[in-house]
N, C-alpha and C. Protein backbone atom coordinates (compact mmCIF):
# COMPACT_ATOMS: atom_id res chain seq x y z
N MET A 1 46.85 11.78 -90.68
CA MET A 1 46.84 11.66 -92.13
C MET A 1 45.47 12.06 -92.67
N ASP A 2 45.43 12.92 -93.76
CA ASP A 2 44.15 13.35 -94.30
C ASP A 2 43.53 12.22 -95.12
N PHE A 3 42.27 12.47 -95.52
CA PHE A 3 41.50 11.42 -96.20
C PHE A 3 42.16 11.00 -97.52
N LYS A 4 42.63 12.00 -98.30
CA LYS A 4 43.20 11.69 -99.61
C LYS A 4 44.41 10.77 -99.50
N ASN A 5 45.35 11.15 -98.62
CA ASN A 5 46.56 10.34 -98.46
C ASN A 5 46.25 8.96 -97.89
N ALA A 6 45.32 8.92 -96.91
CA ALA A 6 44.94 7.64 -96.32
C ALA A 6 44.31 6.73 -97.37
N TYR A 7 43.46 7.33 -98.21
CA TYR A 7 42.81 6.54 -99.27
C TYR A 7 43.84 6.01 -100.27
N LEU A 8 44.78 6.87 -100.66
CA LEU A 8 45.81 6.44 -101.61
C LEU A 8 46.65 5.29 -101.05
N GLU A 9 47.01 5.40 -99.76
CA GLU A 9 47.81 4.35 -99.13
C GLU A 9 47.04 3.03 -99.09
N ARG A 10 45.76 3.11 -98.71
CA ARG A 10 44.93 1.91 -98.65
C ARG A 10 44.83 1.25 -100.04
N THR A 11 44.56 2.07 -101.05
CA THR A 11 44.38 1.54 -102.39
C THR A 11 45.69 0.93 -102.92
N LYS A 12 46.82 1.60 -102.64
CA LYS A 12 48.12 1.06 -103.07
C LYS A 12 48.37 -0.30 -102.43
N GLU A 13 48.05 -0.41 -101.12
CA GLU A 13 48.26 -1.68 -100.42
C GLU A 13 47.44 -2.80 -101.07
N LEU A 14 46.17 -2.50 -101.38
CA LEU A 14 45.31 -3.51 -101.98
C LEU A 14 45.78 -3.90 -103.38
N LEU A 15 46.24 -2.90 -104.16
CA LEU A 15 46.74 -3.21 -105.49
C LEU A 15 48.01 -4.06 -105.44
N LYS A 16 48.88 -3.75 -104.45
CA LYS A 16 50.09 -4.57 -104.29
C LYS A 16 49.72 -6.01 -103.96
N LEU A 17 48.71 -6.19 -103.10
CA LEU A 17 48.25 -7.53 -102.77
C LEU A 17 47.71 -8.23 -104.01
N SER A 18 47.12 -7.46 -104.93
CA SER A 18 46.49 -8.05 -106.10
C SER A 18 47.49 -8.55 -107.14
N ILE A 19 48.63 -7.84 -107.28
CA ILE A 19 49.55 -8.19 -108.37
C ILE A 19 50.94 -8.55 -107.88
N GLY A 20 51.12 -8.65 -106.56
CA GLY A 20 52.44 -8.94 -106.01
C GLY A 20 52.91 -10.35 -106.32
N ALA A 21 54.11 -10.64 -105.82
CA ALA A 21 54.69 -11.97 -106.05
C ALA A 21 53.81 -13.05 -105.44
N ASP A 22 53.79 -14.21 -106.08
CA ASP A 22 53.06 -15.39 -105.62
C ASP A 22 51.54 -15.19 -105.64
N THR A 23 51.05 -14.20 -106.35
CA THR A 23 49.59 -14.02 -106.48
C THR A 23 49.10 -14.82 -107.68
N PRO A 24 47.81 -15.15 -107.72
CA PRO A 24 47.27 -15.84 -108.91
C PRO A 24 47.53 -15.07 -110.20
N TYR A 25 47.55 -13.75 -110.11
CA TYR A 25 47.82 -12.92 -111.30
C TYR A 25 49.21 -13.22 -111.86
N GLN A 26 50.22 -13.16 -110.99
CA GLN A 26 51.59 -13.42 -111.44
C GLN A 26 51.77 -14.87 -111.88
N GLU A 27 51.17 -15.79 -111.10
CA GLU A 27 51.30 -17.21 -111.44
C GLU A 27 50.67 -17.51 -112.80
N THR A 28 49.52 -16.87 -113.06
CA THR A 28 48.85 -17.08 -114.34
C THR A 28 49.70 -16.57 -115.50
N LEU A 29 50.28 -15.35 -115.33
CA LEU A 29 51.14 -14.80 -116.39
C LEU A 29 52.35 -15.70 -116.63
N LYS A 30 52.96 -16.16 -115.54
CA LYS A 30 54.14 -17.03 -115.68
C LYS A 30 53.77 -18.33 -116.38
N TYR A 31 52.60 -18.87 -115.98
CA TYR A 31 52.19 -20.13 -116.59
C TYR A 31 51.94 -19.96 -118.09
N LEU A 32 51.30 -18.86 -118.44
CA LEU A 32 51.04 -18.60 -119.86
C LEU A 32 52.34 -18.41 -120.63
N ASP A 33 53.28 -17.66 -120.03
CA ASP A 33 54.58 -17.48 -120.69
C ASP A 33 55.27 -18.83 -120.92
N ASP A 34 55.22 -19.68 -119.89
CA ASP A 34 55.84 -21.00 -120.02
C ASP A 34 55.19 -21.81 -121.14
N CYS A 35 53.85 -21.74 -121.18
CA CYS A 35 53.13 -22.48 -122.23
C CYS A 35 53.44 -21.92 -123.62
N PHE A 36 53.52 -20.58 -123.71
CA PHE A 36 53.86 -19.96 -124.99
C PHE A 36 55.21 -20.48 -125.49
N GLU A 37 56.18 -20.52 -124.59
CA GLU A 37 57.52 -20.97 -124.97
C GLU A 37 57.54 -22.45 -125.28
N LYS A 38 56.87 -23.21 -124.42
CA LYS A 38 56.91 -24.67 -124.56
C LYS A 38 56.27 -25.12 -125.87
N TYR A 39 55.16 -24.50 -126.24
CA TYR A 39 54.43 -24.93 -127.43
C TYR A 39 54.67 -24.00 -128.62
N GLU A 40 55.65 -23.10 -128.44
CA GLU A 40 56.08 -22.22 -129.53
C GLU A 40 54.89 -21.48 -130.16
N ILE A 41 54.10 -20.86 -129.30
CA ILE A 41 52.95 -20.09 -129.77
C ILE A 41 53.47 -18.85 -130.51
N PRO A 42 52.95 -18.54 -131.67
CA PRO A 42 53.42 -17.35 -132.42
C PRO A 42 53.23 -16.07 -131.61
N ASN A 43 54.11 -15.11 -131.85
CA ASN A 43 54.07 -13.85 -131.10
C ASN A 43 52.74 -13.12 -131.27
N GLN A 44 52.20 -13.13 -132.49
CA GLN A 44 50.94 -12.41 -132.71
C GLN A 44 49.81 -13.02 -131.89
N HIS A 45 49.82 -14.35 -131.81
CA HIS A 45 48.77 -15.01 -131.01
C HIS A 45 48.96 -14.71 -129.52
N ARG A 46 50.23 -14.65 -129.11
CA ARG A 46 50.49 -14.28 -127.71
C ARG A 46 49.95 -12.89 -127.41
N ILE A 47 50.22 -11.97 -128.32
CA ILE A 47 49.77 -10.58 -128.13
C ILE A 47 48.25 -10.53 -128.05
N ASN A 48 47.58 -11.28 -128.93
CA ASN A 48 46.11 -11.28 -128.94
C ASN A 48 45.55 -11.80 -127.61
N VAL A 49 46.15 -12.89 -127.12
CA VAL A 49 45.66 -13.49 -125.87
C VAL A 49 45.87 -12.52 -124.70
N LEU A 50 47.08 -11.98 -124.59
CA LEU A 50 47.40 -11.08 -123.47
C LEU A 50 46.62 -9.79 -123.54
N SER A 51 46.41 -9.25 -124.75
CA SER A 51 45.67 -7.99 -124.89
C SER A 51 44.21 -8.15 -124.49
N GLN A 52 43.66 -9.36 -124.63
CA GLN A 52 42.29 -9.61 -124.21
C GLN A 52 42.21 -9.93 -122.72
N MET A 53 43.22 -10.61 -122.23
CA MET A 53 43.16 -11.10 -120.85
C MET A 53 43.51 -10.04 -119.82
N LEU A 54 44.60 -9.28 -120.05
CA LEU A 54 45.11 -8.35 -119.04
C LEU A 54 44.10 -7.25 -118.67
N PRO A 55 43.42 -6.62 -119.64
CA PRO A 55 42.44 -5.59 -119.24
C PRO A 55 41.32 -6.15 -118.37
N LEU A 56 40.90 -7.39 -118.67
CA LEU A 56 39.83 -7.99 -117.87
C LEU A 56 40.26 -8.18 -116.43
N ILE A 57 41.49 -8.68 -116.24
CA ILE A 57 41.97 -8.94 -114.88
C ILE A 57 42.23 -7.63 -114.14
N THR A 58 43.02 -6.75 -114.76
CA THR A 58 43.44 -5.53 -114.05
C THR A 58 42.27 -4.59 -113.78
N THR A 59 41.33 -4.49 -114.71
CA THR A 59 40.18 -3.59 -114.49
C THR A 59 39.37 -4.04 -113.29
N GLN A 60 39.11 -5.33 -113.20
CA GLN A 60 38.26 -5.82 -112.12
C GLN A 60 38.89 -5.60 -110.75
N PHE A 61 40.18 -6.01 -110.58
CA PHE A 61 40.73 -5.87 -109.23
C PHE A 61 41.10 -4.42 -108.91
N THR A 62 41.30 -3.59 -109.95
CA THR A 62 41.54 -2.16 -109.67
C THR A 62 40.28 -1.50 -109.14
N ILE A 63 39.14 -1.79 -109.77
CA ILE A 63 37.87 -1.23 -109.29
C ILE A 63 37.58 -1.73 -107.88
N THR A 64 37.79 -3.02 -107.66
CA THR A 64 37.55 -3.59 -106.33
C THR A 64 38.46 -2.94 -105.29
N ALA A 65 39.74 -2.75 -105.63
CA ALA A 65 40.68 -2.13 -104.69
C ALA A 65 40.28 -0.70 -104.36
N MET A 66 39.83 0.06 -105.37
CA MET A 66 39.43 1.45 -105.15
C MET A 66 38.19 1.53 -104.25
N GLN A 67 37.21 0.66 -104.52
CA GLN A 67 36.00 0.66 -103.71
C GLN A 67 36.30 0.24 -102.28
N THR A 68 37.09 -0.82 -102.14
CA THR A 68 37.44 -1.32 -100.81
C THR A 68 38.29 -0.29 -100.06
N GLY A 69 39.26 0.34 -100.76
CA GLY A 69 40.09 1.37 -100.13
C GLY A 69 39.27 2.53 -99.62
N LEU A 70 38.25 2.94 -100.39
CA LEU A 70 37.38 4.04 -99.96
C LEU A 70 36.63 3.68 -98.69
N GLU A 71 36.06 2.47 -98.66
CA GLU A 71 35.29 2.04 -97.49
C GLU A 71 36.18 1.93 -96.25
N LEU A 72 37.35 1.34 -96.41
CA LEU A 72 38.24 1.14 -95.26
C LEU A 72 38.78 2.47 -94.75
N THR A 73 39.08 3.40 -95.67
CA THR A 73 39.58 4.71 -95.25
C THR A 73 38.52 5.47 -94.45
N GLN A 74 37.29 5.41 -94.92
CA GLN A 74 36.20 6.08 -94.19
C GLN A 74 36.05 5.47 -92.79
N GLN A 75 36.14 4.15 -92.70
CA GLN A 75 36.02 3.49 -91.40
C GLN A 75 37.19 3.86 -90.48
N ASP A 76 38.40 3.83 -91.04
CA ASP A 76 39.59 4.13 -90.22
C ASP A 76 39.52 5.52 -89.64
N LEU A 77 39.27 6.51 -90.49
CA LEU A 77 39.27 7.90 -90.03
C LEU A 77 38.13 8.17 -89.07
N SER A 78 36.96 7.55 -89.33
CA SER A 78 35.81 7.77 -88.46
C SER A 78 36.06 7.18 -87.07
N PHE A 79 36.57 5.94 -87.02
CA PHE A 79 36.84 5.31 -85.73
C PHE A 79 37.95 6.04 -84.98
N GLU A 80 38.98 6.44 -85.71
CA GLU A 80 40.11 7.11 -85.06
C GLU A 80 39.66 8.43 -84.44
N LEU A 81 38.86 9.20 -85.17
CA LEU A 81 38.40 10.49 -84.67
C LEU A 81 37.46 10.30 -83.48
N SER A 82 36.53 9.36 -83.58
CA SER A 82 35.58 9.12 -82.48
C SER A 82 36.30 8.65 -81.23
N LEU A 83 37.27 7.76 -81.40
CA LEU A 83 38.00 7.23 -80.25
C LEU A 83 38.81 8.33 -79.57
N LYS A 84 39.47 9.18 -80.36
CA LYS A 84 40.26 10.27 -79.78
C LYS A 84 39.37 11.25 -79.02
N ASN A 85 38.21 11.56 -79.59
CA ASN A 85 37.30 12.50 -78.93
C ASN A 85 36.80 11.94 -77.60
N LEU A 86 36.44 10.66 -77.60
CA LEU A 86 35.95 10.05 -76.37
C LEU A 86 37.06 9.95 -75.32
N GLU A 87 38.27 9.66 -75.76
CA GLU A 87 39.39 9.59 -74.82
C GLU A 87 39.67 10.97 -74.21
N LYS A 88 39.57 12.02 -75.03
CA LYS A 88 39.76 13.36 -74.50
C LYS A 88 38.66 13.72 -73.49
N GLN A 89 37.43 13.34 -73.80
CA GLN A 89 36.33 13.61 -72.87
C GLN A 89 36.52 12.86 -71.56
N ALA A 90 36.95 11.60 -71.68
CA ALA A 90 37.17 10.80 -70.47
C ALA A 90 38.29 11.39 -69.62
N ALA A 91 39.38 11.85 -70.28
CA ALA A 91 40.49 12.45 -69.54
C ALA A 91 40.05 13.74 -68.86
N ALA A 92 39.28 14.55 -69.57
CA ALA A 92 38.78 15.79 -68.98
C ALA A 92 37.84 15.51 -67.81
N MET A 93 37.03 14.46 -67.96
CA MET A 93 36.12 14.09 -66.88
C MET A 93 36.89 13.60 -65.66
N ASP A 94 37.95 12.81 -65.88
CA ASP A 94 38.78 12.35 -64.77
C ASP A 94 39.40 13.54 -64.03
N ALA A 95 39.92 14.51 -64.80
CA ALA A 95 40.52 15.69 -64.19
C ALA A 95 39.47 16.49 -63.41
N ASN A 96 38.28 16.55 -63.93
CA ASN A 96 37.20 17.28 -63.26
C ASN A 96 36.83 16.61 -61.95
N ILE A 97 36.78 15.28 -61.99
CA ILE A 97 36.45 14.53 -60.77
C ILE A 97 37.51 14.74 -59.70
N GLU A 98 38.78 14.67 -60.14
CA GLU A 98 39.86 14.87 -59.18
C GLU A 98 39.82 16.27 -58.59
N GLY A 99 39.46 17.25 -59.43
CA GLY A 99 39.35 18.62 -58.93
C GLY A 99 38.26 18.77 -57.89
N ILE A 100 37.14 18.11 -58.17
CA ILE A 100 36.03 18.18 -57.19
C ILE A 100 36.40 17.47 -55.89
N LYS A 101 37.08 16.34 -56.02
CA LYS A 101 37.51 15.62 -54.82
C LYS A 101 38.45 16.49 -53.97
N GLU A 102 39.40 17.12 -54.65
CA GLU A 102 40.35 17.97 -53.92
C GLU A 102 39.63 19.15 -53.27
N GLN A 103 38.72 19.73 -54.01
CA GLN A 103 37.96 20.86 -53.45
C GLN A 103 37.12 20.42 -52.25
N THR A 104 36.57 19.22 -52.37
CA THR A 104 35.75 18.71 -51.25
C THR A 104 36.60 18.47 -50.01
N ARG A 105 37.82 17.94 -50.23
CA ARG A 105 38.70 17.67 -49.09
C ARG A 105 39.16 18.96 -48.40
N ASN A 106 39.39 20.01 -49.19
CA ASN A 106 39.97 21.25 -48.64
C ASN A 106 38.92 22.29 -48.21
N THR A 107 37.69 22.02 -48.48
CA THR A 107 36.64 23.00 -48.16
C THR A 107 35.71 22.44 -47.08
N LYS A 108 35.50 23.23 -46.08
CA LYS A 108 34.55 22.84 -45.04
C LYS A 108 33.16 23.35 -45.41
N LEU A 109 32.31 22.44 -45.75
CA LEU A 109 30.96 22.83 -46.12
C LEU A 109 30.20 23.30 -44.87
N LYS A 110 29.43 24.33 -45.01
CA LYS A 110 28.74 24.93 -43.86
C LYS A 110 27.50 24.15 -43.46
N ASN A 111 26.94 23.40 -44.33
CA ASN A 111 25.73 22.67 -43.93
C ASN A 111 25.58 21.38 -44.71
N ASN A 112 24.72 20.56 -44.29
CA ASN A 112 24.52 19.25 -44.89
C ASN A 112 23.95 19.35 -46.31
N GLU A 113 23.20 20.38 -46.57
CA GLU A 113 22.62 20.53 -47.90
C GLU A 113 23.70 20.74 -48.95
N LEU A 114 24.69 21.61 -48.62
CA LEU A 114 25.79 21.82 -49.55
C LEU A 114 26.61 20.54 -49.74
N GLU A 115 26.80 19.81 -48.66
CA GLU A 115 27.55 18.55 -48.76
C GLU A 115 26.81 17.55 -49.64
N ALA A 116 25.48 17.51 -49.49
CA ALA A 116 24.69 16.58 -50.30
C ALA A 116 24.75 16.97 -51.78
N GLN A 117 24.69 18.29 -52.04
CA GLN A 117 24.75 18.76 -53.42
C GLN A 117 26.09 18.39 -54.07
N ALA A 118 27.18 18.58 -53.31
CA ALA A 118 28.50 18.24 -53.84
C ALA A 118 28.61 16.74 -54.10
N ALA A 119 28.05 15.94 -53.15
CA ALA A 119 28.11 14.48 -53.33
C ALA A 119 27.30 14.05 -54.56
N ASP A 120 26.13 14.69 -54.72
CA ASP A 120 25.29 14.35 -55.89
C ASP A 120 26.01 14.70 -57.20
N LYS A 121 26.63 15.86 -57.22
CA LYS A 121 27.34 16.29 -58.42
C LYS A 121 28.48 15.35 -58.74
N LEU A 122 29.21 14.95 -57.70
CA LEU A 122 30.32 14.02 -57.89
C LEU A 122 29.81 12.69 -58.41
N GLU A 123 28.68 12.24 -57.87
CA GLU A 123 28.13 10.96 -58.31
C GLU A 123 27.67 11.02 -59.76
N ASN A 124 27.06 12.16 -60.13
CA ASN A 124 26.64 12.33 -61.53
C ASN A 124 27.84 12.30 -62.48
N LEU A 125 28.91 12.97 -62.06
CA LEU A 125 30.11 12.98 -62.89
C LEU A 125 30.70 11.57 -63.03
N LYS A 126 30.65 10.81 -61.93
CA LYS A 126 31.15 9.44 -61.98
C LYS A 126 30.32 8.60 -62.95
N GLU A 127 29.00 8.80 -62.90
CA GLU A 127 28.13 8.05 -63.80
C GLU A 127 28.40 8.42 -65.26
N GLN A 128 28.59 9.72 -65.50
CA GLN A 128 28.91 10.16 -66.85
C GLN A 128 30.25 9.58 -67.32
N ASN A 129 31.21 9.55 -66.40
CA ASN A 129 32.51 8.99 -66.74
C ASN A 129 32.41 7.51 -67.06
N ASN A 130 31.62 6.79 -66.27
CA ASN A 130 31.41 5.36 -66.53
C ASN A 130 30.76 5.14 -67.89
N LEU A 131 29.81 6.05 -68.22
CA LEU A 131 29.14 5.95 -69.51
C LEU A 131 30.13 6.17 -70.66
N LEU A 132 31.01 7.14 -70.49
CA LEU A 132 32.01 7.40 -71.51
C LEU A 132 32.95 6.22 -71.69
N ARG A 133 33.35 5.63 -70.57
CA ARG A 133 34.25 4.47 -70.64
C ARG A 133 33.55 3.29 -71.33
N ALA A 134 32.25 3.15 -71.06
CA ALA A 134 31.49 2.09 -71.72
C ALA A 134 31.44 2.33 -73.23
N GLN A 135 31.29 3.62 -73.61
CA GLN A 135 31.27 3.95 -75.03
C GLN A 135 32.62 3.66 -75.69
N ILE A 136 33.70 3.95 -74.96
CA ILE A 136 35.04 3.65 -75.49
C ILE A 136 35.22 2.15 -75.69
N ALA A 137 34.76 1.37 -74.71
CA ALA A 137 34.86 -0.09 -74.83
C ALA A 137 34.05 -0.60 -76.02
N LYS A 138 32.86 -0.01 -76.20
CA LYS A 138 32.02 -0.41 -77.33
C LYS A 138 32.70 -0.08 -78.65
N LEU A 139 33.30 1.12 -78.70
CA LEU A 139 33.99 1.54 -79.93
C LEU A 139 35.17 0.62 -80.23
N ALA A 140 35.85 0.18 -79.18
CA ALA A 140 36.98 -0.74 -79.38
C ALA A 140 36.50 -2.06 -79.99
N LYS A 141 35.33 -2.53 -79.53
CA LYS A 141 34.76 -3.76 -80.09
C LYS A 141 34.38 -3.55 -81.55
N GLU A 142 33.82 -2.38 -81.85
CA GLU A 142 33.46 -2.08 -83.23
C GLU A 142 34.70 -2.00 -84.12
N GLN A 143 35.79 -1.48 -83.54
CA GLN A 143 37.04 -1.43 -84.30
C GLN A 143 37.53 -2.84 -84.62
N ALA A 144 37.44 -3.74 -83.63
CA ALA A 144 37.85 -5.13 -83.85
C ALA A 144 36.99 -5.77 -84.93
N LEU A 145 35.66 -5.46 -84.90
CA LEU A 145 34.76 -5.99 -85.92
C LEU A 145 35.13 -5.46 -87.29
N ALA A 146 35.47 -4.16 -87.35
CA ALA A 146 35.86 -3.56 -88.63
C ALA A 146 37.12 -4.23 -89.18
N GLU A 147 38.07 -4.54 -88.30
CA GLU A 147 39.29 -5.21 -88.74
C GLU A 147 38.98 -6.60 -89.27
N SER A 148 38.02 -7.29 -88.58
CA SER A 148 37.62 -8.61 -89.04
C SER A 148 36.96 -8.52 -90.42
N GLN A 149 36.13 -7.50 -90.59
CA GLN A 149 35.49 -7.30 -91.88
C GLN A 149 36.52 -6.98 -92.96
N GLN A 150 37.56 -6.24 -92.59
CA GLN A 150 38.62 -5.92 -93.55
C GLN A 150 39.31 -7.20 -94.02
N ARG A 151 39.58 -8.10 -93.03
CA ARG A 151 40.22 -9.35 -93.41
C ARG A 151 39.33 -10.15 -94.37
N ALA A 152 38.00 -10.10 -94.11
CA ALA A 152 37.07 -10.80 -94.99
C ALA A 152 37.08 -10.18 -96.39
N VAL A 153 37.16 -8.85 -96.44
CA VAL A 153 37.21 -8.15 -97.73
C VAL A 153 38.49 -8.53 -98.48
N ASP A 154 39.62 -8.55 -97.74
CA ASP A 154 40.90 -8.95 -98.36
C ASP A 154 40.81 -10.35 -98.94
N ARG A 155 40.15 -11.26 -98.17
CA ARG A 155 39.97 -12.63 -98.65
C ARG A 155 39.12 -12.66 -99.91
N GLN A 156 38.07 -11.80 -99.92
CA GLN A 156 37.19 -11.75 -101.08
C GLN A 156 37.93 -11.23 -102.31
N VAL A 157 38.81 -10.26 -102.10
CA VAL A 157 39.60 -9.72 -103.22
C VAL A 157 40.46 -10.83 -103.83
N ILE A 158 41.09 -11.62 -102.95
CA ILE A 158 41.93 -12.73 -103.43
C ILE A 158 41.09 -13.75 -104.19
N ASP A 159 39.92 -14.11 -103.60
CA ASP A 159 39.05 -15.09 -104.26
C ASP A 159 38.58 -14.58 -105.61
N ASN A 160 38.26 -13.29 -105.68
CA ASN A 160 37.80 -12.72 -106.96
C ASN A 160 38.90 -12.80 -108.02
N ARG A 161 40.15 -12.56 -107.60
CA ARG A 161 41.26 -12.67 -108.55
C ARG A 161 41.41 -14.11 -109.05
N ILE A 162 41.28 -15.07 -108.12
CA ILE A 162 41.39 -16.47 -108.52
C ILE A 162 40.28 -16.84 -109.50
N ILE A 163 39.05 -16.44 -109.17
CA ILE A 163 37.91 -16.75 -110.03
C ILE A 163 38.09 -16.13 -111.41
N LYS A 164 38.55 -14.88 -111.44
CA LYS A 164 38.75 -14.20 -112.72
C LYS A 164 39.85 -14.91 -113.52
N SER A 165 40.92 -15.31 -112.84
CA SER A 165 42.00 -16.02 -113.53
C SER A 165 41.51 -17.35 -114.09
N MET A 166 40.66 -18.04 -113.28
CA MET A 166 40.09 -19.31 -113.73
C MET A 166 39.25 -19.10 -114.99
N SER A 167 38.45 -18.03 -114.99
CA SER A 167 37.60 -17.75 -116.15
C SER A 167 38.43 -17.48 -117.40
N VAL A 168 39.47 -16.67 -117.23
CA VAL A 168 40.32 -16.35 -118.38
C VAL A 168 41.02 -17.61 -118.90
N LEU A 169 41.55 -18.42 -117.99
CA LEU A 169 42.26 -19.63 -118.40
C LEU A 169 41.29 -20.62 -119.04
N GLY A 170 40.07 -20.75 -118.46
CA GLY A 170 39.08 -21.66 -119.03
C GLY A 170 38.70 -21.24 -120.44
N ASN A 171 38.51 -19.94 -120.66
CA ASN A 171 38.19 -19.45 -122.00
C ASN A 171 39.36 -19.70 -122.97
N PHE A 172 40.56 -19.51 -122.44
CA PHE A 172 41.74 -19.73 -123.27
C PHE A 172 41.81 -21.19 -123.74
N ILE A 173 41.54 -22.12 -122.81
CA ILE A 173 41.55 -23.55 -123.15
C ILE A 173 40.47 -23.86 -124.17
N ALA A 174 39.26 -23.35 -123.92
CA ALA A 174 38.14 -23.63 -124.80
C ALA A 174 38.38 -23.08 -126.21
N GLU A 175 38.93 -21.87 -126.30
CA GLU A 175 39.18 -21.27 -127.61
C GLU A 175 40.24 -22.05 -128.39
N ASN A 176 41.26 -22.52 -127.69
CA ASN A 176 42.30 -23.31 -128.36
C ASN A 176 41.76 -24.65 -128.82
N GLN A 177 40.91 -25.28 -127.98
CA GLN A 177 40.31 -26.55 -128.39
C GLN A 177 39.39 -26.36 -129.59
N ALA A 178 38.62 -25.28 -129.55
CA ALA A 178 37.71 -24.99 -130.67
C ALA A 178 38.50 -24.70 -131.95
N GLY A 179 39.69 -24.16 -131.79
CA GLY A 179 40.53 -23.86 -132.94
C GLY A 179 41.31 -25.06 -133.46
N GLY A 180 41.08 -26.22 -132.86
CA GLY A 180 41.73 -27.43 -133.35
C GLY A 180 43.05 -27.75 -132.68
N MET A 181 43.44 -26.97 -131.66
CA MET A 181 44.70 -27.23 -130.97
C MET A 181 44.49 -28.26 -129.86
N VAL A 182 45.47 -29.09 -129.64
CA VAL A 182 45.41 -30.07 -128.56
C VAL A 182 45.92 -29.41 -127.28
N VAL A 183 45.03 -29.22 -126.34
CA VAL A 183 45.41 -28.57 -125.08
C VAL A 183 46.06 -29.61 -124.17
N PRO A 184 47.26 -29.34 -123.68
CA PRO A 184 47.93 -30.32 -122.81
C PRO A 184 47.17 -30.54 -121.51
N SER A 185 47.26 -31.77 -121.01
CA SER A 185 46.55 -32.09 -119.77
C SER A 185 47.06 -31.28 -118.59
N ASP A 186 48.34 -30.86 -118.65
CA ASP A 186 48.88 -30.03 -117.57
C ASP A 186 48.14 -28.71 -117.45
N MET A 187 47.72 -28.15 -118.57
CA MET A 187 47.01 -26.88 -118.54
C MET A 187 45.62 -27.07 -117.90
N THR A 188 44.94 -28.18 -118.28
CA THR A 188 43.65 -28.49 -117.67
C THR A 188 43.81 -28.78 -116.18
N LYS A 189 44.88 -29.50 -115.86
CA LYS A 189 45.15 -29.80 -114.44
C LYS A 189 45.37 -28.52 -113.65
N TYR A 190 46.08 -27.58 -114.26
CA TYR A 190 46.33 -26.29 -113.57
C TYR A 190 45.02 -25.58 -113.26
N LEU A 191 44.08 -25.60 -114.22
CA LEU A 191 42.77 -24.97 -114.00
C LEU A 191 42.02 -25.63 -112.85
N PHE A 192 42.00 -26.97 -112.85
CA PHE A 192 41.27 -27.67 -111.79
C PHE A 192 41.97 -27.54 -110.44
N ASN A 193 43.28 -27.42 -110.45
CA ASN A 193 44.01 -27.17 -109.20
C ASN A 193 43.62 -25.82 -108.61
N MET A 194 43.40 -24.82 -109.48
CA MET A 194 42.95 -23.50 -109.01
C MET A 194 41.56 -23.61 -108.37
N VAL A 195 40.68 -24.40 -109.01
CA VAL A 195 39.33 -24.60 -108.44
C VAL A 195 39.44 -25.27 -107.08
N HIS A 196 40.27 -26.31 -107.00
CA HIS A 196 40.41 -27.04 -105.74
C HIS A 196 40.99 -26.15 -104.64
N ALA A 197 41.96 -25.30 -105.00
CA ALA A 197 42.56 -24.39 -104.02
C ALA A 197 41.54 -23.40 -103.49
N LEU A 198 40.58 -23.03 -104.34
CA LEU A 198 39.57 -22.03 -103.96
C LEU A 198 38.56 -22.61 -102.96
N ILE A 199 38.23 -23.92 -103.09
CA ILE A 199 37.14 -24.48 -102.29
C ILE A 199 37.60 -25.46 -101.21
N LYS A 200 38.90 -25.78 -101.18
CA LYS A 200 39.34 -26.86 -100.30
C LYS A 200 39.14 -26.56 -98.82
N ASN A 201 39.13 -25.27 -98.43
CA ASN A 201 38.94 -24.92 -97.02
C ASN A 201 37.47 -24.88 -96.62
N ASP A 202 36.57 -24.98 -97.60
CA ASP A 202 35.14 -24.87 -97.32
C ASP A 202 34.42 -26.22 -97.38
N ILE A 203 34.87 -27.11 -98.25
CA ILE A 203 34.25 -28.43 -98.36
C ILE A 203 35.34 -29.49 -98.46
N THR A 204 35.00 -30.69 -98.09
CA THR A 204 35.94 -31.81 -98.16
C THR A 204 35.70 -32.56 -99.46
N ILE A 205 36.70 -32.55 -100.33
CA ILE A 205 36.55 -33.20 -101.63
C ILE A 205 37.92 -33.66 -102.10
N ASP A 206 37.97 -34.84 -102.69
CA ASP A 206 39.25 -35.37 -103.18
C ASP A 206 39.67 -34.62 -104.44
N GLU A 207 40.97 -34.41 -104.55
CA GLU A 207 41.51 -33.72 -105.73
C GLU A 207 41.51 -34.66 -106.93
N ASN A 208 41.08 -34.16 -108.09
CA ASN A 208 41.02 -34.96 -109.30
C ASN A 208 42.43 -35.35 -109.74
N LYS A 209 42.60 -36.61 -110.13
CA LYS A 209 43.92 -37.10 -110.53
C LYS A 209 44.00 -37.39 -112.04
N ASN A 210 42.87 -37.58 -112.68
CA ASN A 210 42.86 -37.97 -114.10
C ASN A 210 42.41 -36.80 -114.95
N PHE A 211 43.26 -36.33 -115.84
CA PHE A 211 42.93 -35.20 -116.70
C PHE A 211 43.02 -35.58 -118.19
N THR A 212 43.01 -36.88 -118.47
CA THR A 212 43.09 -37.34 -119.86
C THR A 212 41.69 -37.38 -120.47
N MET A 213 41.53 -36.77 -121.63
CA MET A 213 40.24 -36.75 -122.31
C MET A 213 40.35 -37.57 -123.60
N THR A 214 39.35 -38.42 -123.87
CA THR A 214 39.34 -39.24 -125.08
C THR A 214 38.03 -39.03 -125.82
N LYS A 215 38.04 -39.35 -127.09
CA LYS A 215 36.80 -39.26 -127.87
C LYS A 215 35.91 -40.46 -127.58
N LYS A 216 34.57 -40.25 -127.78
CA LYS A 216 33.63 -41.36 -127.58
C LYS A 216 33.82 -42.41 -128.68
C-alpha cells in the first residue's frame, strides 16, 4: 500500500474511533438532545448551542487524527520496508552460506592455505548473518514499541475527546446558570461522572454522591 492510501486508512480509523458509537462525542450529543427535549429548550437556543459546540469538538479531534495518522503511517511504512530488506538480505546470506558449504564439500582444496581462506570467508559470512539476524530482532522490538506507542496515542485521543466534551458541557452549564436557568443536578452529575471516569484508573478517589447546590 502506498503512503497516500495508508495515511487515508489510518486517519479514517482514528476518526471512526473519535465519533463512533459509545464514544464521549455521541454520548454528549445524545445527552444534550435528551436535555433539550426534557426541558423543552427552544429550537433557536438548541441551534446556537450546537453550532458553537460541534466545531470545537470536531476540529480538535480531526486535527489530532490527521497528525497521529501521519506519524503512524510513516512508522508503519518505514518499519515494513526495513524489515523486508533485512529479511531479504538474511535469506540471500543463508543461500550464500549454503552455496559455500556445498562448494567446500565437493571441491578438494589443493593446500591448507586455500582451505583456511575458505574457512575464514565462511566464518565472516556467518558473523555477518548473525549481525543481520540481530538487527532483525532489534527491529522487531522497535516495532513492538511503536505499537505500544500507538496504543498510548489512541488512549490520548480518547482522553482529549473526553476533556473537550467536559469543557463544552461545563461551559454550557455555566452559561445557563448565568442566564438565570436552574441547571438540573443530573446534568452536573453527568459532568462529574465524566471527570471520575477520566481519572479513576490513575488515582483512588471516591465518587461524589451529592450534587445539590444551595444558596448561602
